[in-house]
Amino acid sequence: MVAKSKKRTPNKPHNLVVIELAGEKRRIAGKPHLYVLRTQRSPDAIFHEMVQGKGPKWIVGTAKTLRSDLVPNYKPTLKRDVAEERLKKIKLELARKGFAINGDTSTWRVYVLDVESCPPPKKCQKPGRCVYVGQTSATLQHRLAQHNGETRSKSGKYIGAPSIKGCSVKLNQRLTPSKILFTLEDAQQFETEIHLKLKRKKYDVRGDIRTD
């Protein structure tokens, strides 16, 4: 007797789910912390479980509301790689709007330092107009202390920029933008813009820039 073949369970479409959390740290005051995920279950089922105390330990008991309004109206897909790419895209877009995402509350600043008294061969080509442009998710004071060698790694290693190691540096308040960035990619792009802008103004500029 030939055994009957089992019917294969059809794949379910992938869904993107956005849940607003209560009481979690925010990037900025007006934008709540969000939990964003990909699932083959329904958004309602995921939210119900989280309300019941299930889900990642760091957000147990914090699920406030399902934010379907923040999910793009994608066509259903059975392809995981497509869903993962969509997930990556929505997380980036929401972060750029100032939402904290899945525990990430980082913000970035681009800063400009005046660079002086550098040892050879790092001497400034234009004394008085030598600057360093960088970006950081730490406080500007903390990053400045790293560049000055006052704050080091746990092993005592210098963690400032190699191009200004041994130089005397201080924050240039006038040239430092006040803009807050919400993703590393945007911070690096803005860092490049400020770097090139100062270079056009005939400053001797140090620091990394994007070339893509």
N, C-alpha and C. Protein backbone atom coordinates (compact mmCIF):
# COMPACT_ATOMS: atom_id res chain seq x y z
N MET A 1 0.84 -1.20 0.00
CA MET A 1 0.00 0.00 0.00
C MET A 1 0.88 1.25 0.00
N VAL A 2 0.63 2.11 -0.92
CA VAL A 2 1.43 3.32 -1.06
C VAL A 2 0.93 4.38 -0.08
N ALA A 3 1.89 4.91 0.74
CA ALA A 3 1.52 5.93 1.73
C ALA A 3 1.16 7.22 1.02
N LYS A 4 0.14 7.85 1.54
CA LYS A 4 -0.28 9.12 0.97
C LYS A 4 0.75 10.20 1.30
N SER A 5 1.07 11.01 0.32
CA SER A 5 2.02 12.09 0.56
C SER A 5 1.34 13.20 1.35
N LYS A 6 2.10 13.78 2.29
CA LYS A 6 1.56 14.85 3.10
C LYS A 6 1.48 16.14 2.29
N LYS A 7 0.41 16.86 2.51
CA LYS A 7 0.27 18.14 1.83
C LYS A 7 1.20 19.16 2.48
N ARG A 8 1.90 19.87 1.65
CA ARG A 8 2.80 20.89 2.16
C ARG A 8 2.01 22.13 2.57
N THR A 9 2.33 22.63 3.72
CA THR A 9 1.68 23.85 4.19
C THR A 9 2.22 25.03 3.39
N PRO A 10 1.34 25.75 2.76
CA PRO A 10 1.82 26.88 1.95
C PRO A 10 2.49 27.94 2.82
N ASN A 11 3.51 28.59 2.26
CA ASN A 11 4.18 29.67 2.98
C ASN A 11 3.21 30.82 3.22
N LYS A 12 3.38 31.45 4.35
CA LYS A 12 2.56 32.62 4.66
C LYS A 12 3.33 33.88 4.29
N PRO A 13 2.63 34.92 3.90
CA PRO A 13 3.32 36.17 3.55
C PRO A 13 3.98 36.79 4.77
N HIS A 14 5.03 37.54 4.52
CA HIS A 14 5.75 38.22 5.59
C HIS A 14 5.09 39.57 5.88
N ASN A 15 4.97 39.87 7.15
CA ASN A 15 4.39 41.15 7.57
C ASN A 15 5.42 41.98 8.32
N LEU A 16 5.33 43.28 8.18
CA LEU A 16 6.13 44.19 8.99
C LEU A 16 5.22 44.72 10.10
N VAL A 17 5.74 44.73 11.32
CA VAL A 17 4.95 45.15 12.47
C VAL A 17 5.68 46.28 13.19
N VAL A 18 4.94 47.32 13.52
CA VAL A 18 5.48 48.43 14.30
C VAL A 18 4.61 48.60 15.55
N ILE A 19 5.23 48.52 16.71
CA ILE A 19 4.51 48.65 17.98
C ILE A 19 5.11 49.80 18.77
N GLU A 20 4.27 50.71 19.20
CA GLU A 20 4.72 51.83 20.04
C GLU A 20 4.87 51.35 21.48
N LEU A 21 5.99 51.71 22.10
CA LEU A 21 6.28 51.30 23.46
C LEU A 21 6.08 52.45 24.44
N ALA A 22 5.68 52.12 25.64
CA ALA A 22 5.50 53.13 26.68
C ALA A 22 6.64 53.06 27.68
N GLY A 23 7.16 54.21 28.07
CA GLY A 23 8.17 54.27 29.12
C GLY A 23 9.59 54.03 28.69
N GLU A 24 9.81 53.73 27.41
CA GLU A 24 11.18 53.50 26.94
C GLU A 24 11.84 54.82 26.53
N LYS A 25 13.16 54.86 26.64
CA LYS A 25 13.91 56.07 26.30
C LYS A 25 13.68 56.46 24.84
N ARG A 26 13.62 57.76 24.59
CA ARG A 26 13.38 58.27 23.24
C ARG A 26 14.61 58.95 22.65
N ARG A 27 14.61 59.08 21.33
CA ARG A 27 15.65 59.88 20.67
C ARG A 27 15.36 61.35 20.89
N ILE A 28 14.13 61.73 20.62
CA ILE A 28 13.69 63.10 20.86
C ILE A 28 12.33 63.05 21.54
N ALA A 29 11.99 64.11 22.25
CA ALA A 29 10.79 64.10 23.10
C ALA A 29 9.50 63.79 22.36
N GLY A 30 9.33 64.30 21.14
CA GLY A 30 8.06 64.15 20.45
C GLY A 30 7.86 62.85 19.70
N LYS A 31 8.85 61.95 19.71
CA LYS A 31 8.75 60.71 18.95
C LYS A 31 8.94 59.51 19.89
N PRO A 32 7.94 58.62 19.98
CA PRO A 32 8.03 57.47 20.89
C PRO A 32 9.03 56.41 20.44
N HIS A 33 9.34 55.50 21.34
CA HIS A 33 10.22 54.36 21.05
C HIS A 33 9.37 53.29 20.36
N LEU A 34 9.90 52.71 19.29
CA LEU A 34 9.17 51.71 18.51
C LEU A 34 9.88 50.37 18.51
N TYR A 35 9.08 49.31 18.47
CA TYR A 35 9.61 47.96 18.25
C TYR A 35 9.18 47.57 16.85
N VAL A 36 10.13 47.31 15.97
CA VAL A 36 9.86 47.02 14.57
C VAL A 36 10.38 45.63 14.23
N LEU A 37 9.54 44.80 13.62
CA LEU A 37 9.97 43.44 13.31
C LEU A 37 9.30 42.92 12.06
N ARG A 38 9.84 41.81 11.57
CA ARG A 38 9.26 41.07 10.45
C ARG A 38 8.71 39.77 11.00
N THR A 39 7.54 39.35 10.52
CA THR A 39 6.92 38.12 11.01
C THR A 39 6.01 37.54 9.93
N GLN A 40 5.76 36.23 10.01
CA GLN A 40 4.78 35.60 9.13
C GLN A 40 3.45 35.40 9.86
N ARG A 41 3.37 35.94 11.05
CA ARG A 41 2.12 35.93 11.81
C ARG A 41 1.43 37.28 11.62
N SER A 42 0.21 37.38 12.10
CA SER A 42 -0.52 38.63 11.94
C SER A 42 -0.02 39.66 12.96
N PRO A 43 -0.01 40.93 12.59
CA PRO A 43 0.40 41.98 13.53
C PRO A 43 -0.44 41.96 14.81
N ASP A 44 -1.74 41.70 14.68
CA ASP A 44 -2.62 41.66 15.86
C ASP A 44 -2.20 40.57 16.83
N ALA A 45 -1.80 39.42 16.30
CA ALA A 45 -1.39 38.30 17.15
C ALA A 45 -0.11 38.65 17.91
N ILE A 46 0.83 39.26 17.22
CA ILE A 46 2.09 39.65 17.85
C ILE A 46 1.84 40.67 18.95
N PHE A 47 1.01 41.67 18.65
CA PHE A 47 0.72 42.71 19.63
C PHE A 47 0.01 42.13 20.85
N HIS A 48 -0.94 41.23 20.62
CA HIS A 48 -1.68 40.62 21.73
C HIS A 48 -0.74 39.86 22.66
N GLU A 49 0.20 39.14 22.09
CA GLU A 49 1.16 38.40 22.91
C GLU A 49 2.02 39.34 23.75
N MET A 50 2.43 40.46 23.15
CA MET A 50 3.26 41.41 23.89
C MET A 50 2.47 42.06 25.03
N VAL A 51 1.20 42.33 24.79
CA VAL A 51 0.35 42.88 25.85
C VAL A 51 0.22 41.89 27.00
N GLN A 52 0.26 40.60 26.65
CA GLN A 52 0.16 39.55 27.66
C GLN A 52 1.48 39.28 28.38
N GLY A 53 2.52 40.04 28.02
CA GLY A 53 3.80 39.91 28.72
C GLY A 53 4.82 39.05 28.00
N LYS A 54 4.55 38.66 26.77
CA LYS A 54 5.51 37.87 26.00
C LYS A 54 6.35 38.80 25.13
N GLY A 55 7.35 38.21 24.45
CA GLY A 55 8.22 39.00 23.60
C GLY A 55 9.59 39.19 24.23
N PRO A 56 10.45 40.00 23.60
CA PRO A 56 11.81 40.24 24.12
C PRO A 56 11.75 40.79 25.55
N LYS A 57 12.67 40.33 26.38
CA LYS A 57 12.65 40.71 27.80
C LYS A 57 12.74 42.21 28.01
N TRP A 58 13.51 42.89 27.15
CA TRP A 58 13.74 44.32 27.37
C TRP A 58 12.49 45.17 27.18
N ILE A 59 11.45 44.61 26.53
CA ILE A 59 10.22 45.40 26.34
C ILE A 59 8.99 44.75 26.94
N VAL A 60 9.16 43.75 27.78
CA VAL A 60 8.00 43.10 28.41
C VAL A 60 7.19 44.13 29.21
N GLY A 61 5.91 44.17 28.93
CA GLY A 61 5.02 45.07 29.65
C GLY A 61 4.99 46.50 29.15
N THR A 62 5.67 46.78 28.02
CA THR A 62 5.72 48.17 27.54
C THR A 62 4.92 48.40 26.25
N ALA A 63 4.34 47.33 25.68
CA ALA A 63 3.59 47.49 24.43
C ALA A 63 2.38 48.40 24.66
N LYS A 64 2.31 49.49 23.91
CA LYS A 64 1.24 50.47 24.11
C LYS A 64 0.18 50.39 23.03
N THR A 65 0.63 50.42 21.77
CA THR A 65 -0.34 50.37 20.68
C THR A 65 0.31 49.89 19.39
N LEU A 66 -0.49 49.30 18.54
CA LEU A 66 -0.03 48.85 17.23
C LEU A 66 -0.03 50.05 16.29
N ARG A 67 1.10 50.33 15.64
CA ARG A 67 1.21 51.51 14.78
C ARG A 67 1.24 51.09 13.31
N SER A 68 0.12 50.57 12.84
CA SER A 68 0.02 50.17 11.43
C SER A 68 0.13 51.37 10.51
N ASP A 69 -0.14 52.57 11.05
CA ASP A 69 -0.06 53.79 10.25
C ASP A 69 1.37 54.11 9.82
N LEU A 70 2.34 53.49 10.49
CA LEU A 70 3.73 53.75 10.16
C LEU A 70 4.32 52.70 9.21
N VAL A 71 3.51 51.71 8.83
CA VAL A 71 3.98 50.65 7.93
C VAL A 71 3.58 50.98 6.50
N PRO A 72 4.53 51.03 5.57
CA PRO A 72 4.20 51.30 4.16
C PRO A 72 3.25 50.25 3.61
N ASN A 73 2.47 50.62 2.64
CA ASN A 73 1.48 49.72 2.04
C ASN A 73 2.13 48.84 0.97
N TYR A 74 3.01 47.94 1.42
CA TYR A 74 3.68 47.04 0.49
C TYR A 74 2.73 45.94 0.02
N LYS A 75 2.99 45.43 -1.17
CA LYS A 75 2.26 44.24 -1.62
C LYS A 75 2.78 43.04 -0.84
N PRO A 76 1.92 42.08 -0.47
CA PRO A 76 2.36 40.90 0.28
C PRO A 76 3.47 40.17 -0.45
N THR A 77 4.44 39.66 0.29
CA THR A 77 5.53 38.90 -0.32
C THR A 77 5.79 37.62 0.46
N LEU A 78 6.13 36.56 -0.27
CA LEU A 78 6.50 35.28 0.36
C LEU A 78 8.01 35.15 0.45
N LYS A 79 8.72 36.12 -0.11
CA LYS A 79 10.18 36.05 -0.15
C LYS A 79 10.80 36.73 1.07
N ARG A 80 11.55 35.93 1.82
CA ARG A 80 12.14 36.45 3.05
C ARG A 80 13.14 37.56 2.77
N ASP A 81 13.96 37.40 1.73
CA ASP A 81 14.97 38.42 1.45
C ASP A 81 14.34 39.76 1.10
N VAL A 82 13.20 39.72 0.41
CA VAL A 82 12.49 40.95 0.08
C VAL A 82 11.95 41.59 1.36
N ALA A 83 11.38 40.76 2.23
CA ALA A 83 10.84 41.26 3.50
C ALA A 83 11.94 41.85 4.38
N GLU A 84 13.10 41.21 4.40
CA GLU A 84 14.21 41.71 5.21
C GLU A 84 14.70 43.05 4.69
N GLU A 85 14.73 43.22 3.37
CA GLU A 85 15.14 44.48 2.78
C GLU A 85 14.13 45.58 3.12
N ARG A 86 12.86 45.22 3.11
CA ARG A 86 11.82 46.18 3.50
C ARG A 86 11.94 46.57 4.97
N LEU A 87 12.26 45.58 5.80
CA LEU A 87 12.43 45.83 7.23
C LEU A 87 13.58 46.81 7.46
N LYS A 88 14.68 46.57 6.78
CA LYS A 88 15.85 47.45 6.89
C LYS A 88 15.49 48.87 6.47
N LYS A 89 14.72 48.98 5.40
CA LYS A 89 14.35 50.28 4.86
C LYS A 89 13.43 51.04 5.81
N ILE A 90 12.42 50.36 6.36
CA ILE A 90 11.47 51.04 7.24
C ILE A 90 12.14 51.47 8.54
N LYS A 91 13.07 50.66 9.05
CA LYS A 91 13.78 51.04 10.27
C LYS A 91 14.62 52.30 10.04
N LEU A 92 15.25 52.38 8.87
CA LEU A 92 16.05 53.55 8.54
C LEU A 92 15.17 54.79 8.39
N GLU A 93 14.05 54.63 7.70
CA GLU A 93 13.16 55.76 7.47
C GLU A 93 12.56 56.29 8.78
N LEU A 94 12.18 55.37 9.67
CA LEU A 94 11.60 55.78 10.96
C LEU A 94 12.66 56.44 11.85
N ALA A 95 13.88 55.90 11.79
CA ALA A 95 14.96 56.50 12.57
C ALA A 95 15.23 57.92 12.09
N ARG A 96 15.20 58.14 10.79
CA ARG A 96 15.44 59.47 10.24
C ARG A 96 14.38 60.47 10.66
N LYS A 97 13.22 59.98 11.04
CA LYS A 97 12.14 60.85 11.52
C LYS A 97 12.27 61.13 13.01
N GLY A 98 13.25 60.50 13.66
CA GLY A 98 13.49 60.77 15.08
C GLY A 98 12.97 59.72 16.03
N PHE A 99 12.38 58.63 15.52
CA PHE A 99 11.91 57.57 16.39
C PHE A 99 13.09 56.73 16.89
N ALA A 100 13.04 56.32 18.14
CA ALA A 100 13.99 55.33 18.66
C ALA A 100 13.49 53.97 18.17
N ILE A 101 14.42 53.11 17.74
CA ILE A 101 14.04 51.84 17.13
C ILE A 101 14.73 50.67 17.82
N ASN A 102 13.96 49.74 18.35
CA ASN A 102 14.50 48.49 18.89
C ASN A 102 15.68 48.69 19.85
N GLY A 103 15.54 49.64 20.73
CA GLY A 103 16.58 49.87 21.73
C GLY A 103 17.64 50.88 21.32
N ASP A 104 17.64 51.29 20.07
CA ASP A 104 18.64 52.25 19.59
C ASP A 104 18.10 53.66 19.76
N THR A 105 18.73 54.42 20.64
CA THR A 105 18.33 55.82 20.88
C THR A 105 19.45 56.79 20.49
N SER A 106 20.41 56.32 19.72
CA SER A 106 21.58 57.13 19.38
C SER A 106 21.23 58.36 18.56
N THR A 107 21.94 59.44 18.83
CA THR A 107 21.89 60.63 17.99
C THR A 107 23.34 61.03 17.69
N TRP A 108 23.54 61.72 16.59
CA TRP A 108 24.89 62.10 16.18
C TRP A 108 25.00 63.61 16.00
N ARG A 109 26.21 64.12 16.22
CA ARG A 109 26.53 65.51 15.95
C ARG A 109 27.79 65.56 15.08
N VAL A 110 27.81 66.51 14.19
CA VAL A 110 29.03 66.81 13.43
C VAL A 110 29.68 67.98 14.14
N TYR A 111 30.99 67.93 14.32
CA TYR A 111 31.68 68.97 15.07
C TYR A 111 32.94 69.42 14.33
N VAL A 112 33.40 70.61 14.69
CA VAL A 112 34.62 71.17 14.09
C VAL A 112 35.57 71.55 15.22
N LEU A 113 36.82 71.11 15.11
CA LEU A 113 37.83 71.43 16.10
C LEU A 113 38.89 72.34 15.50
N ASP A 114 39.36 73.31 16.28
CA ASP A 114 40.54 74.08 15.90
C ASP A 114 41.76 73.23 16.24
N VAL A 115 42.68 73.12 15.31
CA VAL A 115 43.87 72.28 15.50
C VAL A 115 45.10 73.18 15.57
N GLU A 116 45.86 73.02 16.66
CA GLU A 116 47.06 73.85 16.85
C GLU A 116 48.21 73.01 17.39
N SER A 117 49.41 73.58 17.32
CA SER A 117 50.62 73.00 17.93
C SER A 117 50.79 71.51 17.61
N CYS A 118 50.79 71.19 16.35
CA CYS A 118 50.97 69.79 15.94
C CYS A 118 52.46 69.47 15.77
N PRO A 119 52.84 68.27 16.18
CA PRO A 119 54.23 67.86 15.98
C PRO A 119 54.47 67.47 14.52
N PRO A 120 55.70 67.56 14.03
CA PRO A 120 56.01 67.10 12.68
C PRO A 120 55.70 65.60 12.59
N PRO A 121 55.24 65.09 11.44
CA PRO A 121 54.98 65.82 10.20
C PRO A 121 53.53 66.27 10.09
N LYS A 122 52.87 66.49 11.22
CA LYS A 122 51.45 66.84 11.21
C LYS A 122 51.19 68.34 11.27
N LYS A 123 52.24 69.13 11.13
CA LYS A 123 52.08 70.58 11.24
C LYS A 123 51.04 71.11 10.26
N CYS A 124 50.30 72.10 10.70
CA CYS A 124 49.26 72.69 9.87
C CYS A 124 49.86 73.50 8.72
N GLN A 125 49.27 73.36 7.56
CA GLN A 125 49.74 74.11 6.40
C GLN A 125 49.27 75.56 6.47
N LYS A 126 48.15 75.77 7.17
CA LYS A 126 47.60 77.12 7.29
C LYS A 126 47.35 77.44 8.76
N PRO A 127 48.37 77.88 9.50
CA PRO A 127 48.20 78.20 10.91
C PRO A 127 47.04 79.17 11.13
N GLY A 128 46.20 78.86 12.12
CA GLY A 128 45.04 79.70 12.40
C GLY A 128 43.82 79.31 11.61
N ARG A 129 44.01 78.48 10.56
CA ARG A 129 42.87 78.02 9.75
C ARG A 129 42.93 76.51 9.56
N CYS A 130 43.48 75.84 10.55
CA CYS A 130 43.59 74.38 10.50
C CYS A 130 42.48 73.78 11.38
N VAL A 131 41.64 72.95 10.81
CA VAL A 131 40.51 72.39 11.54
C VAL A 131 40.38 70.89 11.30
N TYR A 132 39.67 70.25 12.21
CA TYR A 132 39.33 68.84 12.06
C TYR A 132 37.81 68.73 12.09
N VAL A 133 37.24 67.96 11.17
CA VAL A 133 35.78 67.75 11.12
C VAL A 133 35.50 66.28 11.41
N GLY A 134 34.63 66.04 12.38
CA GLY A 134 34.27 64.66 12.73
C GLY A 134 32.80 64.54 13.06
N GLN A 135 32.36 63.32 13.35
CA GLN A 135 30.99 63.07 13.79
C GLN A 135 31.03 62.08 14.93
N THR A 136 30.08 62.19 15.85
CA THR A 136 30.09 61.31 17.01
C THR A 136 28.69 61.13 17.58
N SER A 137 28.47 59.98 18.21
CA SER A 137 27.21 59.74 18.93
C SER A 137 27.42 59.96 20.43
N ALA A 138 28.66 60.27 20.82
CA ALA A 138 28.96 60.62 22.22
C ALA A 138 28.74 62.12 22.40
N THR A 139 28.89 62.61 23.60
CA THR A 139 28.82 64.05 23.80
C THR A 139 30.06 64.69 23.17
N LEU A 140 29.94 65.94 22.77
CA LEU A 140 31.09 66.61 22.15
C LEU A 140 32.25 66.73 23.15
N GLN A 141 31.91 66.91 24.43
CA GLN A 141 32.95 67.02 25.44
C GLN A 141 33.73 65.71 25.59
N HIS A 142 32.99 64.60 25.53
CA HIS A 142 33.64 63.29 25.66
C HIS A 142 34.54 63.00 24.46
N ARG A 143 34.03 63.31 23.26
CA ARG A 143 34.84 63.06 22.06
C ARG A 143 36.07 63.96 22.04
N LEU A 144 35.92 65.20 22.50
CA LEU A 144 37.06 66.12 22.56
C LEU A 144 38.13 65.58 23.51
N ALA A 145 37.69 65.02 24.64
CA ALA A 145 38.64 64.44 25.61
C ALA A 145 39.37 63.25 25.00
N GLN A 146 38.70 62.50 24.14
CA GLN A 146 39.37 61.38 23.45
C GLN A 146 40.42 61.88 22.49
N HIS A 147 40.09 62.91 21.72
CA HIS A 147 41.06 63.47 20.77
C HIS A 147 42.28 64.05 21.50
N ASN A 148 42.07 64.62 22.66
CA ASN A 148 43.17 65.21 23.45
C ASN A 148 43.95 64.16 24.23
N GLY A 149 43.49 62.90 24.17
CA GLY A 149 44.19 61.83 24.88
C GLY A 149 43.87 61.78 26.36
N GLU A 150 42.89 62.57 26.81
CA GLU A 150 42.52 62.59 28.22
C GLU A 150 41.65 61.38 28.58
N THR A 151 40.88 60.90 27.62
CA THR A 151 40.06 59.70 27.78
C THR A 151 40.55 58.65 26.80
N ARG A 152 40.89 57.48 27.32
CA ARG A 152 41.44 56.42 26.48
C ARG A 152 40.63 55.14 26.61
N SER A 153 41.00 54.12 25.83
CA SER A 153 40.33 52.83 25.93
C SER A 153 40.70 52.17 27.25
N LYS A 154 40.03 51.08 27.59
CA LYS A 154 40.31 50.39 28.84
C LYS A 154 41.75 49.91 28.93
N SER A 155 42.34 49.63 27.76
CA SER A 155 43.73 49.18 27.74
C SER A 155 44.72 50.35 27.69
N GLY A 156 44.18 51.58 27.71
CA GLY A 156 45.05 52.75 27.69
C GLY A 156 45.40 53.24 26.30
N LYS A 157 44.75 52.69 25.27
CA LYS A 157 45.05 53.06 23.89
C LYS A 157 44.39 54.38 23.51
N TYR A 158 45.10 55.19 22.73
CA TYR A 158 44.56 56.44 22.21
C TYR A 158 43.41 56.14 21.26
N ILE A 159 42.27 56.79 21.44
CA ILE A 159 41.10 56.51 20.60
C ILE A 159 40.58 57.78 19.90
N GLY A 160 41.45 58.78 19.80
CA GLY A 160 41.11 59.95 19.01
C GLY A 160 41.49 59.71 17.55
N ALA A 161 41.40 60.75 16.74
CA ALA A 161 41.75 60.63 15.33
C ALA A 161 43.26 60.64 15.15
N PRO A 162 43.83 59.69 14.41
CA PRO A 162 45.29 59.64 14.20
C PRO A 162 45.86 60.92 13.59
N SER A 163 45.08 61.60 12.74
CA SER A 163 45.59 62.79 12.05
C SER A 163 45.82 63.97 12.98
N ILE A 164 45.24 63.92 14.20
CA ILE A 164 45.44 65.04 15.14
C ILE A 164 46.04 64.56 16.47
N LYS A 165 46.56 63.34 16.47
CA LYS A 165 47.19 62.83 17.69
C LYS A 165 48.42 63.68 18.02
N GLY A 166 48.53 64.14 19.24
CA GLY A 166 49.66 64.96 19.64
C GLY A 166 49.44 66.45 19.41
N CYS A 167 48.34 66.80 18.74
CA CYS A 167 48.04 68.21 18.49
C CYS A 167 47.21 68.77 19.65
N SER A 168 47.18 70.07 19.75
CA SER A 168 46.31 70.74 20.70
C SER A 168 45.02 71.08 19.97
N VAL A 169 43.88 70.57 20.46
CA VAL A 169 42.61 70.80 19.77
C VAL A 169 41.56 71.34 20.74
N LYS A 170 40.68 72.16 20.21
CA LYS A 170 39.56 72.68 21.00
C LYS A 170 38.35 72.85 20.09
N LEU A 171 37.17 72.80 20.67
CA LEU A 171 35.94 72.89 19.91
C LEU A 171 35.76 74.30 19.34
N ASN A 172 35.46 74.36 18.05
CA ASN A 172 35.14 75.63 17.40
C ASN A 172 33.62 75.77 17.41
N GLN A 173 33.10 76.49 18.37
CA GLN A 173 31.65 76.63 18.54
C GLN A 173 31.01 77.30 17.32
N ARG A 174 31.70 78.24 16.74
CA ARG A 174 31.13 78.99 15.62
C ARG A 174 30.93 78.12 14.39
N LEU A 175 31.88 77.24 14.11
CA LEU A 175 31.81 76.40 12.91
C LEU A 175 31.07 75.09 13.14
N THR A 176 30.84 74.71 14.40
CA THR A 176 30.16 73.45 14.69
C THR A 176 28.65 73.58 14.47
N PRO A 177 28.06 72.77 13.57
CA PRO A 177 26.62 72.87 13.31
C PRO A 177 25.81 72.41 14.53
N SER A 178 24.61 72.95 14.67
CA SER A 178 23.73 72.56 15.77
C SER A 178 22.82 71.40 15.39
N LYS A 179 22.85 71.01 14.13
CA LYS A 179 21.96 69.96 13.61
C LYS A 179 22.18 68.62 14.31
N ILE A 180 21.06 67.94 14.65
CA ILE A 180 21.11 66.60 15.25
C ILE A 180 20.76 65.58 14.17
N LEU A 181 21.56 64.53 14.05
CA LEU A 181 21.32 63.47 13.08
C LEU A 181 20.87 62.20 13.81
N PHE A 182 20.06 61.38 13.13
CA PHE A 182 19.49 60.20 13.77
C PHE A 182 20.01 58.87 13.22
N THR A 183 20.87 58.92 12.21
CA THR A 183 21.49 57.69 11.70
C THR A 183 22.96 57.96 11.42
N LEU A 184 23.78 56.92 11.53
CA LEU A 184 25.21 57.05 11.25
C LEU A 184 25.44 57.45 9.80
N GLU A 185 24.66 56.86 8.90
CA GLU A 185 24.81 57.16 7.47
C GLU A 185 24.61 58.65 7.20
N ASP A 186 23.58 59.24 7.80
CA ASP A 186 23.32 60.66 7.60
C ASP A 186 24.40 61.52 8.25
N ALA A 187 24.89 61.06 9.41
CA ALA A 187 25.96 61.80 10.09
C ALA A 187 27.23 61.82 9.25
N GLN A 188 27.56 60.70 8.64
CA GLN A 188 28.75 60.63 7.79
C GLN A 188 28.60 61.50 6.54
N GLN A 189 27.39 61.52 5.99
CA GLN A 189 27.14 62.35 4.81
C GLN A 189 27.24 63.83 5.15
N PHE A 190 26.68 64.23 6.30
CA PHE A 190 26.73 65.63 6.72
C PHE A 190 28.16 66.03 7.07
N GLU A 191 28.90 65.10 7.69
CA GLU A 191 30.31 65.33 7.99
C GLU A 191 31.09 65.65 6.72
N THR A 192 30.82 64.90 5.67
CA THR A 192 31.49 65.14 4.38
C THR A 192 31.12 66.50 3.82
N GLU A 193 29.85 66.88 3.93
CA GLU A 193 29.39 68.17 3.42
C GLU A 193 30.10 69.33 4.13
N ILE A 194 30.21 69.23 5.46
CA ILE A 194 30.88 70.30 6.22
C ILE A 194 32.37 70.33 5.90
N HIS A 195 32.98 69.16 5.78
CA HIS A 195 34.40 69.05 5.44
C HIS A 195 34.68 69.77 4.11
N LEU A 196 33.90 69.45 3.09
CA LEU A 196 34.13 70.04 1.77
C LEU A 196 33.79 71.53 1.75
N LYS A 197 32.78 71.91 2.52
CA LYS A 197 32.41 73.33 2.60
C LYS A 197 33.55 74.16 3.17
N LEU A 198 34.17 73.68 4.24
CA LEU A 198 35.29 74.41 4.85
C LEU A 198 36.52 74.40 3.94
N LYS A 199 36.69 73.31 3.22
CA LYS A 199 37.82 73.23 2.30
C LYS A 199 37.68 74.28 1.20
N ARG A 200 36.43 74.47 0.73
CA ARG A 200 36.19 75.49 -0.30
C ARG A 200 36.47 76.89 0.24
N LYS A 201 36.34 77.04 1.55
CA LYS A 201 36.61 78.33 2.19
C LYS A 201 38.09 78.48 2.56
N LYS A 202 38.91 77.60 2.00
CA LYS A 202 40.36 77.66 2.14
C LYS A 202 40.88 77.29 3.53
N TYR A 203 40.14 76.47 4.27
CA TYR A 203 40.64 75.93 5.53
C TYR A 203 41.51 74.71 5.24
N ASP A 204 42.48 74.47 6.10
CA ASP A 204 43.27 73.23 6.06
C ASP A 204 42.47 72.22 6.88
N VAL A 205 41.75 71.32 6.18
CA VAL A 205 40.77 70.45 6.85
C VAL A 205 41.28 69.03 6.98
N ARG A 206 41.12 68.47 8.19
CA ARG A 206 41.47 67.08 8.46
C ARG A 206 40.21 66.30 8.81
N GLY A 207 40.27 64.98 8.63
CA GLY A 207 39.12 64.16 8.94
C GLY A 207 38.75 63.29 7.75
N ASP A 208 37.85 62.33 7.97
CA ASP A 208 37.43 61.41 6.93
C ASP A 208 36.23 61.95 6.16
N ILE A 209 36.13 61.60 4.90
CA ILE A 209 34.97 61.96 4.10
C ILE A 209 34.50 60.75 3.31
N ARG A 210 33.22 60.75 3.00
CA ARG A 210 32.66 59.67 2.18
C ARG A 210 33.01 59.91 0.72
N THR A 211 33.28 58.84 0.01
CA THR A 211 33.63 58.96 -1.41
C THR A 211 32.61 58.27 -2.31
N ASP A 212 31.56 57.66 -1.68
CA ASP A 212 30.55 56.97 -2.50
C ASP A 212 29.47 57.94 -2.95
